[in-house]
Amino acid sequence: MAMAVFLPAVPGYATAGAATQGSVQPQSQPDVRSHAFYVLDESDATVLAARHEHVPVPIASITKLMTALVVLEAGQPMDEMLAITADDVRGTPGSHSRLAPGARLSREDLLRVALMSSENRATHALCRRYADGLPACVRAMNEKAAALGMGTARFVEPTGLSSRNVASPEDLAKLVLAASANPLVRDYSTAASHTVLVNRQPLEYRNTNLLVGNPAWQVSVQKTGYISEAGRCLVMQAVIDGRQVVIVLLNSYGKLTRIADAKRIRAWMELRRRTEAG
């Protein structure tokens, strides 16, 4: 009697039927655990995989990509020193920050720590010091979203702490593409670490995306996010299997699920390409 051969389960893959027994074939969709996701191949604007891609949901600190775009497009001096104030504390309730009222950083440093380390007070200060103030900054964010064709996007504040900041995965891919066109957003969001001086004391900030420091990944733009209503989120642009790809992952339930999902998407893409070339 012939012995049965049992293949180990591989996330994102499926074993083929009797005609190709022993081979491993990619599933039609990657085994993504995040509630909603979107994977876009930029080379030909092909949507490789998606789930709940048209549904607007809270986006947490993914918001900061839009804040960064409108702040940079305002053209204010990057070396101007800005102070953290009590307004920035009141505007970011419940969030941890090492920037106490009175701390002074350049606009560049505030933007760096906002993008790479998701610093909420830094983000609030940037928008508060926008020309004509915070309401004008939020208005510019919504106008920018409309200009990008993000029909589901709505912003009520700059940090992402409000669950009323919403967008669909498909629209967030448009935001990532716009962010990737700005070299400062690309640079600041993908720095592994950055040190600032506050009252002559160094404060080191590290990137919230573990893939940035992984030499196997070529990440060109990224942003993470978390509030309870949004779950853990991740958007990024990366080169996978020689192709520029945008990945949007929303409402992941565990601390490492969004990173694992990105890895599962990459493995699924690589196997699919090998199978097609086969």
Protein backbone atom coordinates (compact mmCIF):
# COMPACT_ATOMS: atom_id res chain seq x y z
CA MET A 1 0.00 0.00 0.00
CA ALA A 2 1.33 3.39 -0.96
CA MET A 3 1.98 5.70 1.93
CA ALA A 4 0.14 9.01 2.00
CA VAL A 5 2.31 12.12 1.86
CA PHE A 6 1.27 14.95 4.18
CA LEU A 7 2.62 18.41 3.38
CA PRO A 8 3.01 20.98 6.14
CA ALA A 9 0.52 23.80 6.06
CA VAL A 10 2.06 27.02 4.74
CA PRO A 11 0.23 30.30 5.47
CA GLY A 12 -1.09 31.76 2.23
CA TYR A 13 -0.52 28.57 0.25
CA ALA A 14 -2.74 25.64 -0.67
CA THR A 15 -1.83 22.09 -1.69
CA ALA A 16 -2.97 21.18 -5.16
CA GLY A 17 -5.22 18.27 -6.10
CA ALA A 18 -4.30 14.77 -7.23
CA ALA A 19 -3.08 15.96 -10.63
CA THR A 20 -0.29 17.94 -9.00
CA GLN A 21 0.05 16.10 -5.71
CA GLY A 22 3.16 17.14 -3.82
CA SER A 23 3.26 20.65 -5.26
CA VAL A 24 2.33 23.83 -3.41
CA GLN A 25 0.10 26.41 -5.07
CA PRO A 26 -0.72 29.93 -3.94
CA GLN A 27 -4.26 30.62 -2.81
CA SER A 28 -6.23 33.23 -4.73
CA GLN A 29 -5.88 35.51 -1.68
CA PRO A 30 -3.07 35.69 0.89
CA ASP A 31 -3.87 34.43 4.37
CA VAL A 32 -4.22 37.90 5.90
CA ARG A 33 -5.52 38.09 9.47
CA SER A 34 -6.18 41.85 9.51
CA HIS A 35 -9.88 42.63 9.15
CA ALA A 36 -9.40 44.77 6.03
CA PHE A 37 -6.53 44.94 3.56
CA TYR A 38 -5.51 46.14 0.10
CA VAL A 39 -2.49 45.20 -2.01
CA LEU A 40 -1.73 47.31 -5.09
CA ASP A 41 0.93 46.62 -7.73
CA GLU A 42 1.98 50.11 -8.86
CA SER A 43 3.57 48.94 -12.11
CA ASP A 44 0.20 48.41 -13.79
CA ALA A 45 -2.23 49.63 -11.09
CA THR A 46 -3.38 46.05 -10.49
CA VAL A 47 -5.15 45.20 -7.24
CA LEU A 48 -3.48 41.93 -6.29
CA ALA A 49 -5.69 41.17 -3.29
CA ALA A 50 -8.19 42.98 -1.09
CA ARG A 51 -10.89 42.60 1.54
CA HIS A 52 -13.40 45.25 2.69
CA GLU A 53 -11.41 47.67 0.54
CA HIS A 54 -14.26 50.15 0.00
CA VAL A 55 -15.42 50.42 3.62
CA PRO A 56 -14.36 53.53 5.59
CA VAL A 57 -13.07 52.70 9.08
CA PRO A 58 -11.04 54.51 11.78
CA ILE A 59 -7.42 54.84 10.64
CA ALA A 60 -5.61 55.94 13.84
CA SER A 61 -2.13 57.37 13.23
CA ILE A 62 -2.17 56.66 9.50
CA THR A 63 -3.70 60.16 9.73
CA LYS A 64 -0.21 61.55 10.27
CA LEU A 65 0.75 60.92 6.65
CA MET A 66 -1.91 63.42 5.59
CA THR A 67 -0.86 65.87 8.31
CA ALA A 68 2.73 65.66 7.08
CA LEU A 69 1.72 66.30 3.48
CA VAL A 70 -0.24 69.47 4.21
CA VAL A 71 2.40 70.77 6.65
CA LEU A 72 5.14 70.31 4.07
CA GLU A 73 3.07 71.79 1.27
CA ALA A 74 2.52 74.91 3.39
CA GLY A 75 6.21 75.69 2.91
CA GLN A 76 6.89 76.94 6.44
CA PRO A 77 10.56 77.06 7.55
CA MET A 78 11.76 73.63 8.61
CA ASP A 79 14.36 75.08 10.98
CA GLU A 80 11.84 77.24 12.87
CA MET A 81 11.74 76.30 16.56
CA LEU A 82 8.28 75.42 17.88
CA ALA A 83 7.29 74.96 21.52
CA ILE A 84 5.07 72.22 22.93
CA THR A 85 2.25 73.88 24.86
CA ALA A 86 -0.60 72.94 27.17
CA ASP A 87 -2.85 73.03 24.08
CA ASP A 88 -0.87 70.13 22.64
CA VAL A 89 -1.38 68.15 25.86
CA ARG A 90 -5.12 68.87 25.89
CA GLY A 91 -5.35 68.04 22.20
CA THR A 92 -3.84 64.56 22.65
CA PRO A 93 -5.65 63.12 25.69
CA GLY A 94 -4.64 59.70 26.92
CA SER A 95 -1.49 59.43 24.82
CA HIS A 96 2.03 59.06 26.18
CA SER A 97 4.66 61.63 25.28
CA ARG A 98 8.15 62.53 26.43
CA LEU A 99 7.66 66.09 25.15
CA ALA A 100 6.59 68.19 28.12
CA PRO A 101 5.11 71.68 27.72
CA GLY A 102 7.94 74.10 27.09
CA ALA A 103 10.00 71.64 25.03
CA ARG A 104 11.25 73.34 21.87
CA LEU A 105 12.08 71.47 18.67
CA SER A 106 12.50 72.48 15.05
CA ARG A 107 9.63 71.87 12.67
CA GLU A 108 11.84 69.27 10.99
CA ASP A 109 12.45 67.35 14.23
CA LEU A 110 8.75 67.45 15.11
CA LEU A 111 7.86 66.06 11.70
CA ARG A 112 10.50 63.34 11.94
CA VAL A 113 9.30 62.00 15.30
CA ALA A 114 5.66 62.34 14.23
CA LEU A 115 6.18 60.13 11.19
CA MET A 116 8.67 57.55 12.41
CA SER A 117 7.65 57.29 16.06
CA SER A 118 4.02 58.51 15.89
CA GLU A 119 4.59 61.30 18.45
CA ASN A 120 1.14 62.82 19.05
CA ARG A 121 2.11 66.09 20.76
CA ALA A 122 4.65 66.75 18.01
CA THR A 123 1.96 66.20 15.40
CA HIS A 124 -0.54 68.43 17.20
CA ALA A 125 2.05 71.20 17.52
CA LEU A 126 2.80 71.04 13.79
CA CYS A 127 -0.86 71.45 12.91
CA ARG A 128 -1.43 74.11 15.60
CA ARG A 129 1.41 76.18 14.11
CA TYR A 130 0.06 75.77 10.57
CA ALA A 131 -0.75 79.07 8.88
CA ASP A 132 -4.10 80.27 10.34
CA GLY A 133 -4.00 77.56 12.99
CA LEU A 134 -5.27 74.08 13.67
CA PRO A 135 -8.75 74.40 12.08
CA ALA A 136 -7.12 75.55 8.84
CA CYS A 137 -4.72 72.59 8.99
CA VAL A 138 -7.56 70.08 9.39
CA ARG A 139 -9.49 71.82 6.61
CA ALA A 140 -6.43 71.50 4.36
CA MET A 141 -6.22 67.79 5.18
CA ASN A 142 -9.79 67.24 4.00
CA GLU A 143 -9.22 69.36 0.90
CA LYS A 144 -6.09 67.35 0.09
CA ALA A 145 -8.05 64.11 0.53
CA ALA A 146 -10.67 65.36 -1.91
CA ALA A 147 -7.99 66.38 -4.41
CA LEU A 148 -6.49 62.88 -4.22
CA GLY A 149 -9.87 61.30 -4.92
CA MET A 150 -10.19 59.88 -1.40
CA GLY A 151 -13.97 59.97 -1.38
CA THR A 152 -14.37 58.05 1.89
CA ALA A 153 -11.78 60.02 3.89
CA ARG A 154 -12.75 62.38 6.73
CA PHE A 155 -10.40 64.10 9.20
CA VAL A 156 -11.41 65.95 12.37
CA GLU A 157 -7.94 66.32 13.97
CA PRO A 158 -4.30 65.75 12.95
CA THR A 159 -3.06 62.87 15.13
CA GLY A 160 -5.44 59.96 14.56
CA LEU A 161 -6.48 59.75 18.22
CA SER A 162 -10.07 60.39 17.16
CA SER A 163 -12.05 57.45 15.75
CA ARG A 164 -13.83 59.99 13.55
CA ASN A 165 -10.76 60.10 11.29
CA VAL A 166 -11.80 57.48 8.72
CA ALA A 167 -10.95 56.19 5.24
CA SER A 168 -11.23 53.00 3.22
CA PRO A 169 -8.21 50.78 2.46
CA GLU A 170 -8.49 51.71 -1.22
CA ASP A 171 -8.36 55.42 -0.39
CA LEU A 172 -5.43 54.94 1.98
CA ALA A 173 -3.47 53.45 -0.94
CA LYS A 174 -3.99 56.80 -2.70
CA LEU A 175 -2.58 58.56 0.36
CA VAL A 176 0.47 56.28 0.40
CA LEU A 177 1.11 57.00 -3.27
CA ALA A 178 0.89 60.75 -2.63
CA ALA A 179 3.21 60.44 0.37
CA SER A 180 5.71 58.46 -1.70
CA ALA A 181 6.03 61.41 -4.07
CA ASN A 182 7.39 63.59 -1.25
CA PRO A 183 11.08 62.85 -0.55
CA LEU A 184 10.92 64.19 3.01
CA VAL A 185 7.98 61.97 3.93
CA ARG A 186 9.83 59.02 2.42
CA ASP A 187 13.00 59.85 4.37
CA TYR A 188 11.41 60.72 7.70
CA SER A 189 8.93 57.84 7.81
CA THR A 190 11.55 55.17 7.12
CA ALA A 191 14.38 56.33 9.39
CA ALA A 192 15.22 53.62 11.90
CA SER A 193 15.84 56.14 14.68
CA HIS A 194 16.25 59.84 15.36
CA THR A 195 17.66 61.75 18.33
CA VAL A 196 16.45 65.20 19.33
CA LEU A 197 17.76 67.60 21.97
CA VAL A 198 15.25 68.83 24.56
CA ASN A 199 16.67 71.18 27.16
CA ARG A 200 20.12 70.00 26.02
CA GLN A 201 19.21 66.41 26.83
CA PRO A 202 19.15 63.83 24.02
CA LEU A 203 15.93 61.90 23.44
CA GLU A 204 16.14 58.94 21.08
CA TYR A 205 13.09 57.91 19.08
CA ARG A 206 12.80 54.63 17.22
CA ASN A 207 10.63 53.60 14.29
CA THR A 208 7.37 51.88 15.20
CA ASN A 209 7.57 49.61 12.11
CA LEU A 210 9.83 46.61 12.68
CA LEU A 211 10.19 46.03 8.94
CA VAL A 212 12.11 49.29 8.47
CA GLY A 213 15.16 47.84 10.16
CA ASN A 214 14.86 44.49 8.40
CA PRO A 215 17.49 44.25 5.63
CA ALA A 216 15.26 41.83 3.70
CA TRP A 217 12.69 44.58 3.15
CA GLN A 218 12.91 47.67 0.91
CA VAL A 219 10.38 49.99 2.55
CA SER A 220 10.14 53.43 0.96
CA VAL A 221 7.15 54.89 2.86
CA GLN A 222 5.36 53.61 5.96
CA LYS A 223 3.12 54.51 8.85
CA THR A 224 1.71 52.49 11.72
CA GLY A 225 -1.30 53.29 13.86
CA TYR A 226 -3.32 52.16 16.84
CA ILE A 227 -6.38 53.17 18.80
CA SER A 228 -8.86 50.69 20.25
CA GLU A 229 -11.53 51.55 17.66
CA ALA A 230 -9.12 51.04 14.74
CA GLY A 231 -7.06 48.11 15.96
CA ARG A 232 -3.46 47.95 14.84
CA CYS A 233 -2.88 49.37 11.37
CA LEU A 234 -0.04 49.56 8.87
CA VAL A 235 0.37 51.15 5.47
CA MET A 236 3.52 51.07 3.41
CA GLN A 237 5.12 51.13 0.02
CA ALA A 238 7.80 48.49 -0.54
CA VAL A 239 9.61 46.65 -3.30
CA ILE A 240 8.54 43.00 -3.32
CA ASP A 241 9.78 40.54 -5.92
CA GLY A 242 11.03 43.43 -8.03
CA ARG A 243 7.70 45.27 -8.01
CA GLN A 244 6.69 48.47 -6.21
CA VAL A 245 3.73 47.52 -4.04
CA VAL A 246 1.40 49.40 -1.70
CA ILE A 247 0.10 47.42 1.28
CA VAL A 248 -2.74 48.60 3.54
CA LEU A 249 -3.56 46.57 6.67
CA LEU A 250 -6.34 47.73 9.00
CA ASN A 251 -7.73 46.46 12.29
CA SER A 252 -5.18 43.81 13.18
CA TYR A 253 -5.97 42.19 16.50
CA GLY A 254 -2.48 41.49 17.88
CA LYS A 255 0.68 43.52 18.30
CA LEU A 256 2.60 41.55 15.66
CA THR A 257 -0.27 40.52 13.36
CA ARG A 258 0.16 43.43 10.96
CA ILE A 259 3.86 42.64 10.54
CA ALA A 260 3.11 38.94 10.09
CA ASP A 261 0.42 39.84 7.55
CA ALA A 262 2.92 41.88 5.52
CA LYS A 263 5.27 38.91 5.54
CA ARG A 264 2.46 36.56 4.48
CA ILE A 265 1.58 38.89 1.60
CA ARG A 266 5.20 38.95 0.49
CA ALA A 267 5.49 35.14 0.63
CA TRP A 268 2.21 34.80 -1.29
CA MET A 269 3.39 37.20 -3.99
CA GLU A 270 6.74 35.46 -4.37
CA LEU A 271 5.19 32.00 -4.63
CA ARG A 272 2.60 33.26 -7.11
CA ARG A 273 5.31 34.73 -9.34
CA ARG A 274 7.33 31.49 -9.21
CA THR A 275 4.21 29.49 -10.05
CA GLU A 276 3.35 31.73 -13.00
CA ALA A 277 6.92 31.53 -14.27
CA GLY A 278 6.88 27.77 -13.67
